[in-house]
Amino acid sequence: MNFEDYSFKSESNKTADRCILCGQEIAVFKKNVFDTRFGIEGYSNILQCGSCGLIQLLSSRTSDELKSLYETYYNFGGNKDGLYAEIRNAFFASSLYRLWMVVDGDLCFHSRRGNGRLLDLGCNEGQGLHIYNKNGFTAEGLEVNERAAGEAKKRGFRVFTDPLEAFEPEKSYDVVVLSHVLEHSVKPEEMLANVARILKPDGQAWISCPNAKSLQRNIFGRYWINWHIPFHITFFSVTTLKNLLNSTGFETIKIKFATPGLWIAQSLIATLFAKKGRKNYALRSPILLGLLMFFIRTILFPLLWFGNFLGRGDCLVIEARKKQAI
């Protein structure tokens, strides 16, 4: 089988590691990628499987080390990030947000209206739960970061802190949302199998994640914001994600691509300002981000639309339905 961007260029590119999906041989795909956001020390290599094509990061960090990094740097960590977070939260609560989703893409399924039971997997402090409830769903959350879950509970949301594999809901769900979640899993096949387990027959999984074949990945190289070392573990293309969904009991019903202005702005800022081992404070500058996003959306809009049309947008958005048991 042939995969875009894949080749064993030399024997030295081969590793002793195996693909986290199929267990076959993997090779170095991109060397010396580092954290461009928080300043976490160390370089990492990105690898690709020669059998299934999955691009992946194999981290040497233990689960306890990763948990500590998440609680320190990622998701809700107990601080509000000052002015940047205040502006962001006010924007999400405004009517302008719905208009922006039309222009920039709805990566979190916040424009979807409906009913039934919905689980937001990795719900953080509950911003999405508020929107899903307003849109007609009965929304609950699953969040293993207990500090973030505590904040969501204070806001009146029902949030569970169990690991997904141990989670036993009282009733099955109509929808499980995995918005920017699947790429964080060291066991994505197990994660989707458990999502299928807690869904009703004919229930749906809504997934958004970085597109491993995006144009921006090629343009920005190791400064592409969605390498997001060490937190992003898997990088899916349409092919690898559809194959994974099929093997875990789902059928794909809708595929879209989006290229958020924010992501391009962040990749530009990473290229200009990121230094290994240093926190990139420019990524939290509302003025800089705002100016770049305005430029991107007004000047580059035709190019972004064309990239999405070609299937090379920065974000992959998939809706999948649980297969009926035979």
C-alpha atoms as a PDB file:
ATOM      1  CA  MET A   1       0.000   0.000   0.000  1.00  0.00           C
ATOM      2  CA  ASN A   2       1.182   3.538  -0.734  1.00  0.00           C
ATOM      3  CA  PHE A   3       0.562   6.507   1.518  1.00  0.00           C
ATOM      4  CA  GLU A   4       1.186  10.172   0.815  1.00  0.00           C
ATOM      5  CA  ASP A   5       4.353  11.465   2.494  1.00  0.00           C
ATOM      6  CA  TYR A   6       5.370   7.962   3.599  1.00  0.00           C
ATOM      7  CA  SER A   7       8.651   6.250   2.844  1.00  0.00           C
ATOM      8  CA  PHE A   8      11.470   4.481   4.601  1.00  0.00           C
ATOM      9  CA  LYS A   9      14.214   6.775   3.308  1.00  0.00           C
ATOM     10  CA  SER A  10      16.953   4.800   4.966  1.00  0.00           C
ATOM     11  CA  GLU A  11      17.513   2.002   7.431  1.00  0.00           C
ATOM     12  CA  SER A  12      18.418   4.616  10.062  1.00  0.00           C
ATOM     13  CA  ASN A  13      14.851   5.923   9.937  1.00  0.00           C
ATOM     14  CA  LYS A  14      13.453   2.623  11.138  1.00  0.00           C
ATOM     15  CA  THR A  15      12.705   2.221  14.833  1.00  0.00           C
ATOM     16  CA  ALA A  16      12.187  -0.694  17.192  1.00  0.00           C
ATOM     17  CA  ASP A  17       8.728   0.671  18.041  1.00  0.00           C
ATOM     18  CA  ARG A  18       5.474  -0.543  16.586  1.00  0.00           C
ATOM     19  CA  CYS A  19       2.321   1.215  15.428  1.00  0.00           C
ATOM     20  CA  ILE A  20      -0.134   1.850  18.241  1.00  0.00           C
ATOM     21  CA  LEU A  21      -2.999   0.773  15.968  1.00  0.00           C
ATOM     22  CA  CYS A  22      -1.833  -2.206  13.922  1.00  0.00           C
ATOM     23  CA  GLY A  23       1.451  -3.183  15.575  1.00  0.00           C
ATOM     24  CA  GLN A  24       3.458  -2.995  12.362  1.00  0.00           C
ATOM     25  CA  GLU A  25       6.805  -1.327  11.691  1.00  0.00           C
ATOM     26  CA  ILE A  26       7.030   2.465  11.904  1.00  0.00           C
ATOM     27  CA  ALA A  27       9.646   4.900  10.627  1.00  0.00           C
ATOM     28  CA  VAL A  28      10.696   8.448  11.442  1.00  0.00           C
ATOM     29  CA  PHE A  29       8.483  10.925   9.588  1.00  0.00           C
ATOM     30  CA  LYS A  30       9.636  14.253  11.066  1.00  0.00           C
ATOM     31  CA  LYS A  31      12.565  14.814  13.426  1.00  0.00           C
ATOM     32  CA  ASN A  32      13.182  17.177  16.329  1.00  0.00           C
ATOM     33  CA  VAL A  33       9.683  18.529  16.903  1.00  0.00           C
ATOM     34  CA  PHE A  34       9.290  20.445  20.177  1.00  0.00           C
ATOM     35  CA  ASP A  35       6.582  22.066  22.275  1.00  0.00           C
ATOM     36  CA  THR A  36       5.849  25.487  20.747  1.00  0.00           C
ATOM     37  CA  ARG A  37       3.252  26.503  23.336  1.00  0.00           C
ATOM     38  CA  PHE A  38       4.182  25.891  26.959  1.00  0.00           C
ATOM     39  CA  GLY A  39       7.956  25.539  26.819  1.00  0.00           C
ATOM     40  CA  ILE A  40       8.068  21.900  27.914  1.00  0.00           C
ATOM     41  CA  GLU A  41      11.626  20.660  27.473  1.00  0.00           C
ATOM     42  CA  GLY A  42      12.734  18.045  24.974  1.00  0.00           C
ATOM     43  CA  TYR A  43      12.597  17.067  21.323  1.00  0.00           C
ATOM     44  CA  SER A  44      10.349  14.374  19.848  1.00  0.00           C
ATOM     45  CA  ASN A  45      10.231  12.505  16.563  1.00  0.00           C
ATOM     46  CA  ILE A  46       6.995  11.988  14.665  1.00  0.00           C
ATOM     47  CA  LEU A  47       6.636   8.513  13.144  1.00  0.00           C
ATOM     48  CA  GLN A  48       4.481   6.854  10.501  1.00  0.00           C
ATOM     49  CA  CYS A  49       3.292   3.300  10.062  1.00  0.00           C
ATOM     50  CA  GLY A  50       4.244   1.534   6.857  1.00  0.00           C
ATOM     51  CA  SER A  51       1.133  -0.651   6.977  1.00  0.00           C
ATOM     52  CA  CYS A  52      -1.894   1.419   8.038  1.00  0.00           C
ATOM     53  CA  GLY A  53      -0.353   4.855   7.389  1.00  0.00           C
ATOM     54  CA  LEU A  54      -1.077   6.329  10.831  1.00  0.00           C
ATOM     55  CA  ILE A  55       1.192   9.241  11.843  1.00  0.00           C
ATOM     56  CA  GLN A  56       1.946   9.114  15.538  1.00  0.00           C
ATOM     57  CA  LEU A  57       4.042  10.234  18.468  1.00  0.00           C
ATOM     58  CA  LEU A  58       5.398   7.495  20.680  1.00  0.00           C
ATOM     59  CA  SER A  59       6.087   9.159  24.008  1.00  0.00           C
ATOM     60  CA  SER A  60       8.507   7.751  26.561  1.00  0.00           C
ATOM     61  CA  ARG A  61       6.602   9.539  29.321  1.00  0.00           C
ATOM     62  CA  THR A  62       4.666   7.452  31.828  1.00  0.00           C
ATOM     63  CA  SER A  63       0.926   7.893  32.311  1.00  0.00           C
ATOM     64  CA  ASP A  64       1.619   9.622  35.633  1.00  0.00           C
ATOM     65  CA  GLU A  65       4.012  12.061  33.926  1.00  0.00           C
ATOM     66  CA  LEU A  66       1.463  12.859  31.234  1.00  0.00           C
ATOM     67  CA  LYS A  67      -1.266  13.341  33.843  1.00  0.00           C
ATOM     68  CA  SER A  68       0.975  15.778  35.703  1.00  0.00           C
ATOM     69  CA  LEU A  69       1.703  17.697  32.491  1.00  0.00           C
ATOM     70  CA  TYR A  70      -1.997  17.973  31.701  1.00  0.00           C
ATOM     71  CA  GLU A  71      -2.814  19.244  35.167  1.00  0.00           C
ATOM     72  CA  THR A  72       0.044  21.752  35.049  1.00  0.00           C
ATOM     73  CA  TYR A  73      -0.167  23.086  31.507  1.00  0.00           C
ATOM     74  CA  TYR A  74      -3.172  21.869  29.594  1.00  0.00           C
ATOM     75  CA  ASN A  75      -6.918  22.188  29.697  1.00  0.00           C
ATOM     76  CA  PHE A  76      -8.220  23.819  32.867  1.00  0.00           C
ATOM     77  CA  GLY A  77      -5.294  24.277  35.221  1.00  0.00           C
ATOM     78  CA  GLY A  78      -6.793  26.519  37.864  1.00  0.00           C
ATOM     79  CA  ASN A  79      -5.979  29.895  36.295  1.00  0.00           C
ATOM     80  CA  LYS A  80      -7.938  31.946  33.806  1.00  0.00           C
ATOM     81  CA  ASP A  81      -5.074  33.120  31.577  1.00  0.00           C
ATOM     82  CA  GLY A  82      -5.982  36.758  32.180  1.00  0.00           C
ATOM     83  CA  LEU A  83      -7.371  39.003  29.458  1.00  0.00           C
ATOM     84  CA  TYR A  84      -7.098  36.344  26.746  1.00  0.00           C
ATOM     85  CA  ALA A  85      -9.444  33.974  28.600  1.00  0.00           C
ATOM     86  CA  GLU A  86     -11.870  36.769  29.510  1.00  0.00           C
ATOM     87  CA  ILE A  87     -12.213  37.801  25.867  1.00  0.00           C
ATOM     88  CA  ARG A  88     -12.505  34.175  24.736  1.00  0.00           C
ATOM     89  CA  ASN A  89     -15.238  33.342  27.261  1.00  0.00           C
ATOM     90  CA  ALA A  90     -17.184  36.513  26.448  1.00  0.00           C
ATOM     91  CA  PHE A  91     -16.947  35.671  22.737  1.00  0.00           C
ATOM     92  CA  PHE A  92     -18.304  32.133  23.257  1.00  0.00           C
ATOM     93  CA  ALA A  93     -21.260  33.599  25.163  1.00  0.00           C
ATOM     94  CA  SER A  94     -22.077  36.168  22.464  1.00  0.00           C
ATOM     95  CA  SER A  95     -24.280  35.981  19.384  1.00  0.00           C
ATOM     96  CA  LEU A  96     -21.187  36.742  17.284  1.00  0.00           C
ATOM     97  CA  TYR A  97     -19.922  33.236  18.005  1.00  0.00           C
ATOM     98  CA  ARG A  98     -22.631  31.622  15.847  1.00  0.00           C
ATOM     99  CA  LEU A  99     -21.790  33.930  12.970  1.00  0.00           C
ATOM    100  CA  TRP A 100     -18.096  33.133  13.389  1.00  0.00           C
ATOM    101  CA  MET A 101     -18.817  29.397  13.213  1.00  0.00           C
ATOM    102  CA  VAL A 102     -20.418  29.906   9.795  1.00  0.00           C
ATOM    103  CA  VAL A 103     -17.350  31.780   8.550  1.00  0.00           C
ATOM    104  CA  ASP A 104     -14.535  29.925  10.316  1.00  0.00           C
ATOM    105  CA  GLY A 105     -15.990  26.441  10.775  1.00  0.00           C
ATOM    106  CA  ASP A 106     -17.768  24.680  13.631  1.00  0.00           C
ATOM    107  CA  LEU A 107     -15.087  22.441  15.135  1.00  0.00           C
ATOM    108  CA  CYS A 108     -16.945  21.691  18.376  1.00  0.00           C
ATOM    109  CA  PHE A 109     -20.450  20.992  16.979  1.00  0.00           C
ATOM    110  CA  HIS A 110     -21.761  24.015  18.853  1.00  0.00           C
ATOM    111  CA  SER A 111     -24.125  24.930  16.012  1.00  0.00           C
ATOM    112  CA  ARG A 112     -25.869  21.561  16.072  1.00  0.00           C
ATOM    113  CA  ARG A 113     -29.421  21.554  17.427  1.00  0.00           C
ATOM    114  CA  GLY A 114     -31.312  18.464  18.491  1.00  0.00           C
ATOM    115  CA  ASN A 115     -32.479  16.468  21.465  1.00  0.00           C
ATOM    116  CA  GLY A 116     -31.602  13.361  23.389  1.00  0.00           C
ATOM    117  CA  ARG A 117     -28.742  12.480  25.710  1.00  0.00           C
ATOM    118  CA  LEU A 118     -25.320  13.876  24.777  1.00  0.00           C
ATOM    119  CA  LEU A 119     -21.953  13.188  26.404  1.00  0.00           C
ATOM    120  CA  ASP A 120     -19.147  15.713  25.922  1.00  0.00           C
ATOM    121  CA  LEU A 121     -15.978  13.658  26.272  1.00  0.00           C
ATOM    122  CA  GLY A 122     -13.259  15.860  27.756  1.00  0.00           C
ATOM    123  CA  CYS A 123     -15.706  18.635  28.662  1.00  0.00           C
ATOM    124  CA  ASN A 124     -13.162  20.766  30.577  1.00  0.00           C
ATOM    125  CA  GLU A 125     -14.943  23.344  32.768  1.00  0.00           C
ATOM    126  CA  GLY A 126     -18.263  22.976  30.913  1.00  0.00           C
ATOM    127  CA  GLN A 127     -18.373  25.743  28.301  1.00  0.00           C
ATOM    128  CA  GLY A 128     -19.599  23.298  25.676  1.00  0.00           C
ATOM    129  CA  LEU A 129     -22.173  21.744  27.998  1.00  0.00           C
ATOM    130  CA  HIS A 130     -23.868  25.108  28.356  1.00  0.00           C
ATOM    131  CA  ILE A 131     -24.110  25.449  24.555  1.00  0.00           C
ATOM    132  CA  TYR A 132     -25.329  21.886  23.975  1.00  0.00           C
ATOM    133  CA  ASN A 133     -28.065  22.341  26.593  1.00  0.00           C
ATOM    134  CA  LYS A 134     -29.159  25.597  24.958  1.00  0.00           C
ATOM    135  CA  ASN A 135     -29.342  23.746  21.636  1.00  0.00           C
ATOM    136  CA  GLY A 136     -31.860  21.238  23.015  1.00  0.00           C
ATOM    137  CA  PHE A 137     -29.717  18.325  24.191  1.00  0.00           C
ATOM    138  CA  THR A 138     -29.546  16.857  27.691  1.00  0.00           C
ATOM    139  CA  ALA A 139     -25.795  17.250  28.022  1.00  0.00           C
ATOM    140  CA  GLU A 140     -23.444  15.571  30.474  1.00  0.00           C
ATOM    141  CA  GLY A 141     -19.660  15.581  30.603  1.00  0.00           C
ATOM    142  CA  LEU A 142     -16.757  13.216  31.222  1.00  0.00           C
ATOM    143  CA  GLU A 143     -13.572  14.919  32.419  1.00  0.00           C
ATOM    144  CA  VAL A 144     -10.662  13.145  34.139  1.00  0.00           C
ATOM    145  CA  ASN A 145      -9.070  16.460  35.169  1.00  0.00           C
ATOM    146  CA  GLU A 146     -10.811  16.730  38.514  1.00  0.00           C
ATOM    147  CA  ARG A 147     -10.102  20.449  38.907  1.00  0.00           C
ATOM    148  CA  ALA A 148     -11.810  21.193  35.593  1.00  0.00           C
ATOM    149  CA  ALA A 149     -14.671  18.822  36.421  1.00  0.00           C
ATOM    150  CA  GLY A 150     -15.103  20.592  39.753  1.00  0.00           C
ATOM    151  CA  GLU A 151     -15.520  23.935  37.989  1.00  0.00           C
ATOM    152  CA  ALA A 152     -18.130  22.423  35.650  1.00  0.00           C
ATOM    153  CA  LYS A 153     -20.029  20.968  38.591  1.00  0.00           C
ATOM    154  CA  LYS A 154     -20.052  24.373  40.301  1.00  0.00           C
ATOM    155  CA  ARG A 155     -21.846  25.689  37.214  1.00  0.00           C
ATOM    156  CA  GLY A 156     -24.559  23.063  37.692  1.00  0.00           C
ATOM    157  CA  PHE A 157     -23.509  20.500  35.099  1.00  0.00           C
ATOM    158  CA  ARG A 158     -23.474  16.762  35.605  1.00  0.00           C
ATOM    159  CA  VAL A 159     -19.876  15.678  35.048  1.00  0.00           C
ATOM    160  CA  PHE A 160     -18.201  12.321  35.662  1.00  0.00           C
ATOM    161  CA  THR A 161     -14.496  11.832  36.365  1.00  0.00           C
ATOM    162  CA  ASP A 162     -14.164   8.114  35.616  1.00  0.00           C
ATOM    163  CA  PRO A 163     -11.756   6.920  32.935  1.00  0.00           C
ATOM    164  CA  LEU A 164     -13.781   6.163  29.821  1.00  0.00           C
ATOM    165  CA  GLU A 165     -12.969   2.455  29.950  1.00  0.00           C
ATOM    166  CA  ALA A 166     -14.478   2.249  33.461  1.00  0.00           C
ATOM    167  CA  PHE A 167     -17.436   4.556  32.815  1.00  0.00           C
ATOM    168  CA  GLU A 168     -20.852   2.908  33.172  1.00  0.00           C
ATOM    169  CA  PRO A 169     -23.626   5.437  32.447  1.00  0.00           C
ATOM    170  CA  GLU A 170     -27.112   4.952  33.851  1.00  0.00           C
ATOM    171  CA  LYS A 171     -28.503   5.168  30.317  1.00  0.00           C
ATOM    172  CA  SER A 172     -26.871   5.006  26.904  1.00  0.00           C
ATOM    173  CA  TYR A 173     -26.287   8.198  24.936  1.00  0.00           C
ATOM    174  CA  ASP A 174     -27.672   9.378  21.623  1.00  0.00           C
ATOM    175  CA  VAL A 175     -24.505  11.369  20.863  1.00  0.00           C
ATOM    176  CA  VAL A 176     -20.924  11.337  22.137  1.00  0.00           C
ATOM    177  CA  VAL A 177     -18.827  14.372  21.188  1.00  0.00           C
ATOM    178  CA  LEU A 178     -15.062  13.946  20.805  1.00  0.00           C
ATOM    179  CA  SER A 179     -13.999  17.494  19.972  1.00  0.00           C
ATOM    180  CA  HIS A 180     -10.177  17.634  19.902  1.00  0.00           C
ATOM    181  CA  VAL A 181     -10.019  14.499  22.063  1.00  0.00           C
ATOM    182  CA  LEU A 182      -9.162  11.455  19.943  1.00  0.00           C
ATOM    183  CA  GLU A 183      -5.704  12.761  18.996  1.00  0.00           C
ATOM    184  CA  HIS A 184      -4.767  12.776  22.697  1.00  0.00           C
ATOM    185  CA  SER A 185      -5.387   9.065  23.180  1.00  0.00           C
ATOM    186  CA  VAL A 186      -2.561   6.532  23.373  1.00  0.00           C
ATOM    187  CA  LYS A 187      -5.210   3.867  22.658  1.00  0.00           C
ATOM    188  CA  PRO A 188      -7.582   5.404  20.083  1.00  0.00           C
ATOM    189  CA  GLU A 189      -9.021   2.042  19.051  1.00  0.00           C
ATOM    190  CA  GLU A 190      -9.947   1.273  22.651  1.00  0.00           C
ATOM    191  CA  MET A 191     -11.390   4.767  23.080  1.00  0.00           C
ATOM    192  CA  LEU A 192     -13.733   4.448  20.093  1.00  0.00           C
ATOM    193  CA  ALA A 193     -14.763   0.923  21.101  1.00  0.00           C
ATOM    194  CA  ASN A 194     -15.795   2.302  24.491  1.00  0.00           C
ATOM    195  CA  VAL A 195     -17.649   5.173  22.824  1.00  0.00           C
ATOM    196  CA  ALA A 196     -19.615   2.574  20.842  1.00  0.00           C
ATOM    197  CA  ARG A 197     -20.281   0.697  24.078  1.00  0.00           C
ATOM    198  CA  ILE A 198     -22.020   3.650  25.766  1.00  0.00           C
ATOM    199  CA  LEU A 199     -24.014   4.722  22.685  1.00  0.00           C
ATOM    200  CA  LYS A 200     -27.553   3.649  21.928  1.00  0.00           C
ATOM    201  CA  PRO A 201     -28.149   1.535  18.830  1.00  0.00           C
ATOM    202  CA  ASP A 202     -27.899   3.973  15.915  1.00  0.00           C
ATOM    203  CA  GLY A 203     -26.200   6.518  18.211  1.00  0.00           C
ATOM    204  CA  GLN A 204     -23.630   8.910  16.779  1.00  0.00           C
ATOM    205  CA  ALA A 205     -20.035   9.939  17.482  1.00  0.00           C
ATOM    206  CA  TRP A 206     -19.077  13.477  16.450  1.00  0.00           C
ATOM    207  CA  ILE A 207     -15.320  13.798  16.029  1.00  0.00           C
ATOM    208  CA  SER A 208     -13.044  16.717  15.198  1.00  0.00           C
ATOM    209  CA  CYS A 209      -9.266  16.488  15.112  1.00  0.00           C
ATOM    210  CA  PRO A 210      -6.274  17.917  13.202  1.00  0.00           C
ATOM    211  CA  ASN A 211      -5.983  16.684   9.622  1.00  0.00           C
ATOM    212  CA  ALA A 212      -2.671  14.882   9.131  1.00  0.00           C
ATOM    213  CA  LYS A 213      -2.718  15.796   5.435  1.00  0.00           C
ATOM    214  CA  SER A 214      -3.461  19.488   5.826  1.00  0.00           C
ATOM    215  CA  LEU A 215      -1.670  22.077   3.716  1.00  0.00           C
ATOM    216  CA  GLN A 216      -0.670  23.914   6.875  1.00  0.00           C
ATOM    217  CA  ARG A 217       1.230  20.886   8.129  1.00  0.00           C
ATOM    218  CA  ASN A 218       3.383  21.055   5.010  1.00  0.00           C
ATOM    219  CA  ILE A 219       3.739  24.846   5.072  1.00  0.00           C
ATOM    220  CA  PHE A 220       4.738  25.244   8.726  1.00  0.00           C
ATOM    221  CA  GLY A 221       6.749  22.039   9.144  1.00  0.00           C
ATOM    222  CA  ARG A 222       7.761  21.386  12.732  1.00  0.00           C
ATOM    223  CA  TYR A 223       6.099  24.662  13.794  1.00  0.00           C
ATOM    224  CA  TRP A 224       2.632  23.424  12.800  1.00  0.00           C
ATOM    225  CA  ILE A 225       0.603  24.213  15.904  1.00  0.00           C
ATOM    226  CA  ASN A 226      -1.182  20.852  15.835  1.00  0.00           C
ATOM    227  CA  TRP A 227       1.894  18.740  16.472  1.00  0.00           C
ATOM    228  CA  HIS A 228       1.254  19.988  20.023  1.00  0.00           C
ATOM    229  CA  ILE A 229       4.029  17.955  21.633  1.00  0.00           C
ATOM    230  CA  PRO A 230       3.706  16.019  23.974  1.00  0.00           C
ATOM    231  CA  PHE A 231      -0.094  16.039  24.148  1.00  0.00           C
ATOM    232  CA  HIS A 232      -1.124  14.999  20.640  1.00  0.00           C
ATOM    233  CA  ILE A 233      -0.336  11.315  20.144  1.00  0.00           C
ATOM    234  CA  THR A 234      -2.108  10.413  16.884  1.00  0.00           C
ATOM    235  CA  PHE A 235      -2.545  12.394  13.665  1.00  0.00           C
ATOM    236  CA  PHE A 236      -5.370  11.102  11.487  1.00  0.00           C
ATOM    237  CA  SER A 237      -6.090  11.457   7.795  1.00  0.00           C
ATOM    238  CA  VAL A 238      -9.534  10.732   6.363  1.00  0.00           C
ATOM    239  CA  THR A 239      -8.348   7.249   5.399  1.00  0.00           C
ATOM    240  CA  THR A 240      -6.852   6.267   8.739  1.00  0.00           C
ATOM    241  CA  LEU A 241      -9.786   7.647  10.738  1.00  0.00           C
ATOM    242  CA  LYS A 242     -12.427   6.024   8.535  1.00  0.00           C
ATOM    243  CA  ASN A 243     -10.622   2.686   8.799  1.00  0.00           C
ATOM    244  CA  LEU A 244     -10.425   3.025  12.580  1.00  0.00           C
ATOM    245  CA  LEU A 245     -14.118   3.901  12.841  1.00  0.00           C
ATOM    246  CA  ASN A 246     -15.065   0.931  10.697  1.00  0.00           C
ATOM    247  CA  SER A 247     -13.004  -1.445  12.840  1.00  0.00           C
ATOM    248  CA  THR A 248     -14.616  -0.201  16.068  1.00  0.00           C
ATOM    249  CA  GLY A 249     -18.241  -0.548  15.008  1.00  0.00           C
ATOM    250  CA  PHE A 250     -19.031   2.725  13.214  1.00  0.00           C
ATOM    251  CA  GLU A 251     -19.990   3.820   9.730  1.00  0.00           C
ATOM    252  CA  THR A 252     -19.023   7.292   8.533  1.00  0.00           C
ATOM    253  CA  ILE A 253     -22.004   9.418   7.543  1.00  0.00           C
ATOM    254  CA  LYS A 254     -20.496  12.886   7.010  1.00  0.00           C
ATOM    255  CA  ILE A 255     -17.016  14.330   6.412  1.00  0.00           C
ATOM    256  CA  LYS A 256     -16.080  18.019   6.353  1.00  0.00           C
ATOM    257  CA  PHE A 257     -12.879  20.045   6.460  1.00  0.00           C
ATOM    258  CA  ALA A 258     -12.276  23.390   8.150  1.00  0.00           C
ATOM    259  CA  THR A 259      -9.289  25.685   8.445  1.00  0.00           C
ATOM    260  CA  PRO A 260      -9.739  27.910  11.503  1.00  0.00           C
ATOM    261  CA  GLY A 261      -8.171  31.342  11.321  1.00  0.00           C
ATOM    262  CA  LEU A 262      -7.028  30.860  14.915  1.00  0.00           C
ATOM    263  CA  TRP A 263      -5.004  27.758  14.032  1.00  0.00           C
ATOM    264  CA  ILE A 264      -3.201  29.470  11.162  1.00  0.00           C
ATOM    265  CA  ALA A 265      -2.514  32.496  13.359  1.00  0.00           C
ATOM    266  CA  GLN A 266      -1.097  30.219  16.050  1.00  0.00           C
ATOM    267  CA  SER A 267       1.112  28.391  13.549  1.00  0.00           C
ATOM    268  CA  LEU A 268       2.429  31.742  12.299  1.00  0.00           C
ATOM    269  CA  ILE A 269       3.139  32.883  15.856  1.00  0.00           C
ATOM    270  CA  ALA A 270       4.858  29.575  16.636  1.00  0.00           C
ATOM    271  CA  THR A 271       7.055  29.995  13.556  1.00  0.00           C
ATOM    272  CA  LEU A 272       8.009  33.531  14.532  1.00  0.00           C
ATOM    273  CA  PHE A 273       8.360  33.284  18.303  1.00  0.00           C
ATOM    274  CA  ALA A 274       8.621  29.681  19.540  1.00  0.00           C
ATOM    275  CA  LYS A 275      11.842  28.758  21.354  1.00  0.00           C
ATOM    276  CA  LYS A 276      12.497  25.332  22.799  1.00  0.00           C
ATOM    277  CA  GLY A 277      12.034  25.350  26.551  1.00  0.00           C
ATOM    278  CA  ARG A 278      10.327  28.770  26.658  1.00  0.00           C
ATOM    279  CA  LYS A 279       6.640  29.538  27.054  1.00  0.00           C
ATOM    280  CA  ASN A 280       5.279  31.277  23.959  1.00  0.00           C
ATOM    281  CA  TYR A 281       3.449  34.237  25.488  1.00  0.00           C
ATOM    282  CA  ALA A 282       2.614  35.624  22.035  1.00  0.00           C
ATOM    283  CA  LEU A 283       0.018  32.850  21.663  1.00  0.00           C
ATOM    284  CA  ARG A 284      -1.992  34.589  24.401  1.00  0.00           C
ATOM    285  CA  SER A 285      -1.882  38.064  22.875  1.00  0.00           C
ATOM    286  CA  PRO A 286      -5.472  39.083  21.969  1.00  0.00           C
ATOM    287  CA  ILE A 287      -4.269  41.979  19.798  1.00  0.00           C
ATOM    288  CA  LEU A 288      -1.774  39.929  17.781  1.00  0.00           C
ATOM    289  CA  LEU A 289      -4.166  37.008  17.358  1.00  0.00           C
ATOM    290  CA  GLY A 290      -7.017  39.320  16.417  1.00  0.00           C
ATOM    291  CA  LEU A 291      -5.007  41.145  13.751  1.00  0.00           C
ATOM    292  CA  LEU A 292      -3.700  37.929  12.234  1.00  0.00           C
ATOM    293  CA  MET A 293      -7.133  36.277  12.220  1.00  0.00           C
ATOM    294  CA  PHE A 294      -8.660  39.336  10.520  1.00  0.00           C
ATOM    295  CA  PHE A 295      -5.977  39.245   7.840  1.00  0.00           C
ATOM    296  CA  ILE A 296      -6.339  35.498   7.361  1.00  0.00           C
ATOM    297  CA  ARG A 297     -10.119  35.574   7.065  1.00  0.00           C
ATOM    298  CA  THR A 298     -10.306  38.614   4.764  1.00  0.00           C
ATOM    299  CA  ILE A 299      -7.251  38.189   2.516  1.00  0.00           C
ATOM    300  CA  LEU A 300      -6.618  34.444   2.510  1.00  0.00           C
ATOM    301  CA  PHE A 301     -10.245  33.292   2.517  1.00  0.00           C
ATOM    302  CA  PRO A 302     -10.234  31.990  -1.119  1.00  0.00           C
ATOM    303  CA  LEU A 303      -7.099  29.916  -0.473  1.00  0.00           C
ATOM    304  CA  LEU A 304      -8.541  28.435   2.718  1.00  0.00           C
ATOM    305  CA  TRP A 305     -11.790  27.541   0.955  1.00  0.00           C
ATOM    306  CA  PHE A 306      -9.880  25.856  -1.857  1.00  0.00           C
ATOM    307  CA  GLY A 307      -7.757  23.885   0.607  1.00  0.00           C
ATOM    308  CA  ASN A 308     -10.899  22.649   2.358  1.00  0.00           C
ATOM    309  CA  PHE A 309     -12.418  21.745  -1.022  1.00  0.00           C
ATOM    310  CA  LEU A 310      -9.348  19.619  -1.818  1.00  0.00           C
ATOM    311  CA  GLY A 311      -9.576  17.837   1.536  1.00  0.00           C
ATOM    312  CA  ARG A 312      -6.431  19.549   2.805  1.00  0.00           C
ATOM    313  CA  GLY A 313      -8.041  21.742   5.471  1.00  0.00           C
ATOM    314  CA  ASP A 314      -6.389  21.910   8.881  1.00  0.00           C
ATOM    315  CA  CYS A 315      -9.245  20.245  10.777  1.00  0.00           C
ATOM    316  CA  LEU A 316     -11.024  17.000  10.009  1.00  0.00           C
ATOM    317  CA  VAL A 317     -14.695  16.904  11.108  1.00  0.00           C
ATOM    318  CA  ILE A 318     -16.479  13.548  10.961  1.00  0.00           C
ATOM    319  CA  GLU A 319     -19.889  12.309  12.045  1.00  0.00           C
ATOM    320  CA  ALA A 320     -20.209   8.550  12.429  1.00  0.00           C
ATOM    321  CA  ARG A 321     -23.104   6.245  13.292  1.00  0.00           C
ATOM    322  CA  LYS A 322     -22.906   3.114  15.396  1.00  0.00           C
ATOM    323  CA  LYS A 323     -23.451   0.074  13.204  1.00  0.00           C
ATOM    324  CA  GLN A 324     -26.526  -2.034  13.827  1.00  0.00           C
ATOM    325  CA  ALA A 325     -25.782  -5.431  15.336  1.00  0.00           C
ATOM    326  CA  ILE A 326     -26.489  -8.296  12.964  1.00  0.00           C
END
